[in-house]
Amino acid sequence: MKKNILILTLLILGFSSCRKYNSQDVLPTATGALFDLTIFGDPKVWNDTVGKKMMEIFDDDTPGLPQSEPLFSVTFFPESNLDKTMSLSRNIICFRVDPNTYTKGSISFQRNKWAKIQALVRMTAPDQETLVRELEANKQTIIDFFVDIEHERSVQYYKRYSNEMSARLIYDSVGVRLVIPDFLNKTKGAKNFAWLSNANEVARQDIVVYRVPYRSDADFGLDRLLAVRDSVMKKNIPGPSEGSYMSTEMENYPPVARAMIVDSVYCVEVRGLWRVEGDFMGGPFVSRSYYDQAHNDIVTVEAFVYSPREKKRNKMRLTEAITTCVKFE
């Protein structure tokens, strides 16, 4: 594939969501709710431009949802509160501004500092303006770092409560291995297609996996990926009323795509909204389309949820974690 320049550019964003941890690790387990973000620093700095910039970034809307929900549930504490208990928080940012100590801005990323599967970002700068510039320049990398490790936590949990029969259905139908949680127990399989669901009418979570031939780099373009998606969904996922079927919402929230490298495999993530043609159902979806080099195919794993009366961020993030750990054989 002629993507060398693109791949080199994207390697920094190629976070692996399938890391293995030492079973002998004696660290305690990180605490807090899904997508909690705890920030420690100087209250005076927090109440000034740095705090405003952090809230602008981390309290921004989660992409791909039909209503406003923040990226993270942000809580601030003075740095003096970073004791033995608070250091177990799952996602942490520590910042310091000191012209006597620092001559330039710096940002570092660390995993498992004080707890298992913990994400820690440290930021230092001589002044607030420098720290704000660091935040702006690295905001997507920071967001991806926290989202990636939340996916890892979900996958580690799913491995403990996995549905081996559903995982086998995916392998037999599409030829890839996924970690499937036990709540996805309603299944449908066909050649090069599999569909798993919890079939919950109030808070539904679904995974769809399908394989199509790769012909050219244009197959990874957004328009081509959506055309294939709509064709596969129309054929395989009927709506609740006669003649209805799933499609992609293109007008109110056009889908967006980004390329990435996951465990050395090129893929394109698409995030948007789905709707049912001929009915009034809809919700968010996230798909990852991977290049299966051994078979010269594209394998797409999509997560979508239907939860019309509830918030969707956590359900969507939990379900999309499944899309991050495709294993080819």
Protein backbone atom coordinates (compact mmCIF):
# COMPACT_ATOMS: atom_id res chain seq x y z
CA MET A 1 0.00 0.00 0.00
CA LYS A 2 1.32 3.42 -0.90
CA LYS A 3 0.85 5.03 2.46
CA ASN A 4 4.42 5.36 3.76
CA ILE A 5 4.36 9.09 4.29
CA LEU A 6 0.93 8.99 5.89
CA ILE A 7 1.92 6.10 8.13
CA LEU A 8 5.06 7.87 9.35
CA THR A 9 3.02 10.96 10.13
CA LEU A 10 0.44 8.99 12.05
CA LEU A 11 2.73 6.76 14.10
CA ILE A 12 2.66 9.13 17.07
CA LEU A 13 -1.09 8.58 17.26
CA GLY A 14 -0.86 4.83 16.89
CA PHE A 15 -1.68 3.89 20.44
CA SER A 16 -2.02 0.17 21.00
CA SER A 17 -5.15 -0.82 22.88
CA CYS A 18 -4.05 -4.41 23.54
CA ARG A 19 -1.10 -4.05 25.89
CA LYS A 20 -0.29 -6.92 28.22
CA TYR A 21 0.43 -6.31 31.87
CA ASN A 22 2.63 -8.33 34.21
CA SER A 23 0.39 -10.60 36.24
CA GLN A 24 2.87 -10.22 39.12
CA ASP A 25 2.36 -6.48 39.25
CA VAL A 26 1.64 -5.50 42.84
CA LEU A 27 0.26 -2.05 42.10
CA PRO A 28 -3.25 -1.33 43.42
CA THR A 29 -6.11 -0.90 40.98
CA ALA A 30 -6.86 2.59 39.71
CA THR A 31 -10.04 4.12 41.11
CA GLY A 32 -12.76 6.36 39.74
CA ALA A 33 -15.55 6.18 37.20
CA LEU A 34 -15.23 5.77 33.45
CA PHE A 35 -13.71 8.91 31.88
CA ASP A 36 -13.09 10.66 35.17
CA LEU A 37 -10.16 13.09 34.84
CA THR A 38 -8.48 14.43 37.99
CA ILE A 39 -6.26 17.50 37.63
CA PHE A 40 -3.77 18.65 40.27
CA GLY A 41 -1.98 21.98 40.37
CA ASP A 42 -1.84 25.51 41.76
CA PRO A 43 -5.39 26.87 42.37
CA LYS A 44 -4.31 30.37 41.28
CA VAL A 45 -3.09 29.02 37.95
CA TRP A 46 -6.18 26.82 37.60
CA ASN A 47 -8.46 29.82 38.08
CA ASP A 48 -6.58 31.73 35.39
CA THR A 49 -5.79 31.02 31.74
CA VAL A 50 -4.45 27.47 32.25
CA GLY A 51 -7.62 26.24 33.96
CA LYS A 52 -9.80 27.90 31.34
CA LYS A 53 -7.83 26.24 28.54
CA MET A 54 -7.98 22.82 30.22
CA MET A 55 -11.75 23.06 30.63
CA GLU A 56 -12.07 24.23 27.04
CA ILE A 57 -10.25 21.08 25.91
CA PHE A 58 -11.32 18.37 28.33
CA ASP A 59 -14.87 19.55 29.00
CA ASP A 60 -15.57 19.87 25.28
CA ASP A 61 -18.30 17.76 23.68
CA THR A 62 -17.59 14.11 22.99
CA PRO A 63 -17.50 13.75 19.19
CA GLY A 64 -20.07 11.66 17.41
CA LEU A 65 -22.92 11.91 19.91
CA PRO A 66 -26.35 13.32 19.07
CA GLN A 67 -26.38 15.44 22.24
CA SER A 68 -23.82 17.34 24.30
CA GLU A 69 -21.78 15.21 26.72
CA PRO A 70 -18.28 16.15 27.92
CA LEU A 71 -15.16 14.29 26.84
CA PHE A 72 -14.23 13.79 30.50
CA SER A 73 -15.76 14.36 33.92
CA VAL A 74 -13.16 16.87 35.18
CA THR A 75 -12.32 17.49 38.84
CA PHE A 76 -9.59 19.85 40.07
CA PHE A 77 -7.64 19.62 43.33
CA PRO A 78 -4.68 21.58 44.71
CA GLU A 79 -1.42 19.70 44.27
CA SER A 80 -1.21 19.26 48.04
CA ASN A 81 -4.19 16.88 47.79
CA LEU A 82 -2.17 14.41 45.74
CA ASP A 83 -1.79 11.92 48.59
CA LYS A 84 -1.70 8.13 48.69
CA THR A 85 -5.45 7.87 48.08
CA MET A 86 -5.85 10.50 45.37
CA SER A 87 -2.81 9.17 43.49
CA LEU A 88 -4.87 6.08 42.62
CA SER A 89 -7.16 8.09 40.31
CA ARG A 90 -7.49 6.49 36.89
CA ASN A 91 -6.67 9.53 34.72
CA ILE A 92 -4.46 12.28 36.13
CA ILE A 93 -2.97 15.54 34.92
CA CYS A 94 -0.36 17.25 37.12
CA PHE A 95 0.77 20.74 36.10
CA ARG A 96 3.29 23.19 37.53
CA VAL A 97 4.17 26.75 36.53
CA ASP A 98 7.44 28.06 38.00
CA PRO A 99 9.82 30.53 36.28
CA ASN A 100 12.57 29.68 38.78
CA THR A 101 12.53 25.98 37.95
CA TYR A 102 11.56 25.69 34.28
CA THR A 103 12.93 27.47 31.23
CA LYS A 104 10.60 25.91 28.66
CA GLY A 105 7.37 23.98 28.40
CA SER A 106 7.42 20.22 28.85
CA ILE A 107 4.86 17.43 28.68
CA SER A 108 5.30 13.74 29.52
CA PHE A 109 3.07 10.66 29.45
CA GLN A 110 3.28 7.79 31.91
CA ARG A 111 1.33 4.59 32.49
CA ASN A 112 0.93 2.69 35.75
CA LYS A 113 2.76 5.20 37.93
CA TRP A 114 0.81 4.61 41.14
CA ALA A 115 -1.91 2.14 40.02
CA LYS A 116 -2.65 -0.53 37.43
CA ILE A 117 -3.75 0.71 34.01
CA GLN A 118 -3.42 4.32 35.11
CA ALA A 119 -2.80 7.27 32.79
CA LEU A 120 -0.67 10.19 34.01
CA VAL A 121 0.21 13.39 32.14
CA ARG A 122 2.73 15.83 33.66
CA MET A 123 3.02 19.38 32.34
CA THR A 124 5.53 22.04 33.40
CA ALA A 125 6.31 25.53 32.14
CA PRO A 126 7.92 28.79 33.25
CA ASP A 127 4.66 30.73 32.74
CA GLN A 128 1.00 30.24 31.97
CA GLU A 129 1.28 31.37 28.36
CA THR A 130 3.85 28.64 27.64
CA LEU A 131 1.70 26.00 29.32
CA VAL A 132 -1.34 27.08 27.34
CA ARG A 133 0.67 26.75 24.11
CA GLU A 134 1.74 23.24 25.14
CA LEU A 135 -1.86 22.33 25.83
CA GLU A 136 -3.05 23.64 22.49
CA ALA A 137 -0.26 21.94 20.55
CA ASN A 138 -0.74 18.56 22.26
CA LYS A 139 -4.45 18.48 23.05
CA GLN A 140 -5.39 15.68 20.66
CA THR A 141 -2.44 13.55 21.76
CA ILE A 142 -3.48 13.99 25.40
CA ILE A 143 -7.11 13.15 24.64
CA ASP A 144 -6.08 10.07 22.65
CA PHE A 145 -3.80 8.95 25.49
CA PHE A 146 -6.64 8.97 28.02
CA VAL A 147 -9.20 7.47 25.62
CA ASP A 148 -6.78 4.73 24.64
CA ILE A 149 -6.14 3.64 28.20
CA GLU A 150 -9.89 3.68 28.95
CA HIS A 151 -10.27 1.27 26.04
CA GLU A 152 -7.54 -0.89 27.53
CA ARG A 153 -9.35 -1.05 30.87
CA SER A 154 -12.54 -2.13 29.11
CA VAL A 155 -10.77 -4.82 27.11
CA GLN A 156 -9.02 -6.17 30.21
CA TYR A 157 -12.41 -6.44 31.92
CA TYR A 158 -13.99 -8.09 28.88
CA LYS A 159 -11.23 -10.70 28.85
CA ARG A 160 -12.28 -11.77 32.34
CA TYR A 161 -15.95 -12.07 31.34
CA SER A 162 -15.68 -13.02 27.70
CA ASN A 163 -18.22 -14.70 25.46
CA GLU A 164 -16.25 -17.42 23.73
CA MET A 165 -19.18 -18.59 21.59
CA SER A 166 -19.70 -15.11 20.14
CA ALA A 167 -15.97 -14.71 19.58
CA ARG A 168 -15.96 -18.02 17.75
CA LEU A 169 -18.86 -16.91 15.56
CA ILE A 170 -16.84 -13.87 14.47
CA TYR A 171 -13.80 -15.99 13.72
CA ASP A 172 -15.79 -18.55 11.74
CA SER A 173 -17.66 -15.84 9.80
CA VAL A 174 -15.03 -13.15 9.23
CA GLY A 175 -11.71 -14.78 10.13
CA VAL A 176 -10.54 -12.41 12.86
CA ARG A 177 -10.36 -12.66 16.62
CA LEU A 178 -11.97 -10.16 18.98
CA VAL A 179 -12.49 -9.97 22.73
CA ILE A 180 -16.27 -10.15 23.13
CA PRO A 181 -17.95 -9.44 26.50
CA ASP A 182 -20.56 -11.84 27.80
CA PHE A 183 -23.45 -9.35 27.49
CA LEU A 184 -23.27 -9.51 23.67
CA ASN A 185 -25.15 -12.80 23.51
CA LYS A 186 -27.54 -12.33 20.56
CA THR A 187 -25.75 -13.30 17.36
CA LYS A 188 -26.11 -13.53 13.60
CA GLY A 189 -23.40 -14.91 11.34
CA ALA A 190 -22.93 -15.29 7.59
CA LYS A 191 -20.02 -15.46 5.19
CA ASN A 192 -17.81 -12.40 5.82
CA PHE A 193 -20.37 -10.90 8.24
CA ALA A 194 -21.21 -11.15 11.95
CA TRP A 195 -23.59 -9.18 14.17
CA LEU A 196 -23.64 -9.27 17.98
CA SER A 197 -26.07 -7.48 20.29
CA ASN A 198 -27.31 -7.32 23.85
CA ALA A 199 -30.82 -6.84 22.39
CA ASN A 200 -31.71 -4.40 25.18
CA GLU A 201 -34.63 -2.21 24.10
CA VAL A 202 -33.68 0.62 26.48
CA ALA A 203 -29.85 0.61 26.28
CA ARG A 204 -28.84 -1.38 23.25
CA GLN A 205 -25.20 -2.12 22.37
CA ASP A 206 -24.18 -3.81 19.11
CA ILE A 207 -21.06 -4.91 17.24
CA VAL A 208 -20.94 -5.59 13.50
CA VAL A 209 -17.92 -7.15 11.76
CA TYR A 210 -17.55 -7.58 8.01
CA ARG A 211 -14.88 -8.27 5.40
CA VAL A 212 -14.67 -6.87 1.85
CA PRO A 213 -11.95 -7.08 -0.80
CA TYR A 214 -9.31 -4.35 -0.98
CA ARG A 215 -8.88 -2.91 -4.47
CA SER A 216 -7.01 0.38 -4.06
CA ASP A 217 -6.18 3.09 -1.55
CA ALA A 218 -9.44 4.78 -2.51
CA ASP A 219 -11.26 2.03 -0.58
CA PHE A 220 -10.10 3.73 2.62
CA GLY A 221 -11.64 7.05 1.61
CA LEU A 222 -14.60 8.19 3.70
CA ASP A 223 -17.11 8.11 0.83
CA ARG A 224 -16.14 4.56 -0.15
CA LEU A 225 -16.20 3.30 3.44
CA LEU A 226 -19.67 4.78 3.99
CA ALA A 227 -20.97 3.37 0.71
CA VAL A 228 -19.85 -0.11 1.77
CA ARG A 229 -21.29 0.44 5.24
CA ASP A 230 -24.70 1.40 3.93
CA SER A 231 -24.73 -1.56 1.55
CA VAL A 232 -23.81 -4.05 4.29
CA MET A 233 -26.26 -2.58 6.81
CA LYS A 234 -29.16 -2.47 4.36
CA LYS A 235 -28.62 -6.12 3.50
CA ASN A 236 -28.09 -7.44 7.02
CA ILE A 237 -29.67 -5.15 9.64
CA PRO A 238 -33.40 -4.60 9.20
CA GLY A 239 -35.32 -1.94 11.11
CA PRO A 240 -38.35 -2.54 13.34
CA SER A 241 -40.95 -1.84 10.64
CA GLU A 242 -41.42 -3.58 7.30
CA GLY A 243 -38.99 -2.35 4.67
CA SER A 244 -36.91 -0.30 7.12
CA TYR A 245 -33.13 -0.69 7.44
CA MET A 246 -30.07 0.95 8.95
CA SER A 247 -28.26 3.73 7.09
CA THR A 248 -25.85 6.60 7.80
CA GLU A 249 -26.99 10.08 8.86
CA MET A 250 -25.33 12.46 6.39
CA GLU A 251 -27.10 15.80 6.84
CA ASN A 252 -27.29 16.81 10.50
CA TYR A 253 -23.97 15.26 11.54
CA PRO A 254 -21.75 14.21 8.62
CA PRO A 255 -19.38 11.40 9.64
CA VAL A 256 -15.70 12.17 10.13
CA ALA A 257 -12.71 9.89 9.55
CA ARG A 258 -9.12 9.68 10.69
CA ALA A 259 -6.34 7.29 9.75
CA MET A 260 -4.18 5.58 12.36
CA ILE A 261 -1.82 2.70 13.00
CA VAL A 262 -2.97 0.06 15.51
CA ASP A 263 -0.49 -2.69 16.39
CA SER A 264 1.33 -2.00 13.08
CA VAL A 265 -1.89 -2.35 11.08
CA TYR A 266 -3.24 0.54 9.03
CA CYS A 267 -6.85 1.44 9.74
CA VAL A 268 -9.35 4.27 9.34
CA GLU A 269 -11.73 5.21 12.13
CA VAL A 270 -15.12 6.63 11.17
CA ARG A 271 -17.33 8.32 13.74
CA GLY A 272 -20.89 9.48 13.09
CA LEU A 273 -24.60 8.85 13.53
CA TRP A 274 -26.77 6.06 12.18
CA ARG A 275 -30.49 6.17 11.45
CA VAL A 276 -33.16 3.78 10.27
CA GLU A 277 -34.67 4.45 6.86
CA GLY A 278 -38.43 4.17 7.19
CA ASP A 279 -38.50 4.61 10.97
CA PHE A 280 -37.43 7.00 13.73
CA MET A 281 -34.52 5.17 15.34
CA GLY A 282 -30.96 6.49 15.47
CA GLY A 283 -27.80 6.88 17.52
CA PRO A 284 -23.99 7.07 17.40
CA PHE A 285 -21.59 4.64 15.75
CA VAL A 286 -17.82 4.19 15.55
CA SER A 287 -16.10 1.89 13.07
CA ARG A 288 -12.53 0.89 12.44
CA SER A 289 -11.63 -0.48 9.02
CA TYR A 290 -8.37 -2.44 9.08
CA TYR A 291 -6.17 -3.52 6.19
CA ASP A 292 -5.70 -7.29 6.36
CA GLN A 293 -2.49 -7.52 4.37
CA ALA A 294 -2.31 -11.31 4.40
CA HIS A 295 -5.63 -11.61 2.58
CA ASN A 296 -5.65 -8.20 0.83
CA ASP A 297 -9.01 -7.40 2.43
CA ILE A 298 -10.55 -4.68 4.55
CA VAL A 299 -12.06 -5.82 7.83
CA THR A 300 -14.45 -3.38 9.47
CA VAL A 301 -15.49 -3.59 13.11
CA GLU A 302 -18.32 -1.24 14.07
CA ALA A 303 -19.88 -0.41 17.42
CA PHE A 304 -23.23 1.32 17.69
CA VAL A 305 -25.67 2.02 20.50
CA TYR A 306 -29.33 2.86 20.82
CA SER A 307 -30.28 4.55 24.06
CA PRO A 308 -32.82 7.28 23.29
CA ARG A 309 -33.66 8.24 26.88
CA GLU A 310 -30.19 8.01 28.43
CA LYS A 311 -26.73 9.51 28.11
CA LYS A 312 -24.60 7.70 25.58
CA ARG A 313 -20.95 8.61 26.14
CA ASN A 314 -20.00 5.77 28.43
CA LYS A 315 -22.08 3.15 26.61
CA MET A 316 -20.52 4.20 23.32
CA ARG A 317 -16.98 4.25 24.69
CA LEU A 318 -17.42 0.85 26.35
CA THR A 319 -18.74 -0.69 23.16
CA GLU A 320 -16.20 0.93 20.85
CA ALA A 321 -13.39 -0.52 22.96
CA ILE A 322 -14.17 -3.83 21.25
CA THR A 323 -13.21 -2.32 17.89
CA THR A 324 -9.65 -1.63 19.06
CA CYS A 325 -8.34 -5.20 19.45
CA VAL A 326 -8.70 -6.97 16.13
CA LYS A 327 -6.28 -9.87 15.77
CA PHE A 328 -5.48 -11.28 12.33
CA GLU A 329 -4.24 -14.82 11.74
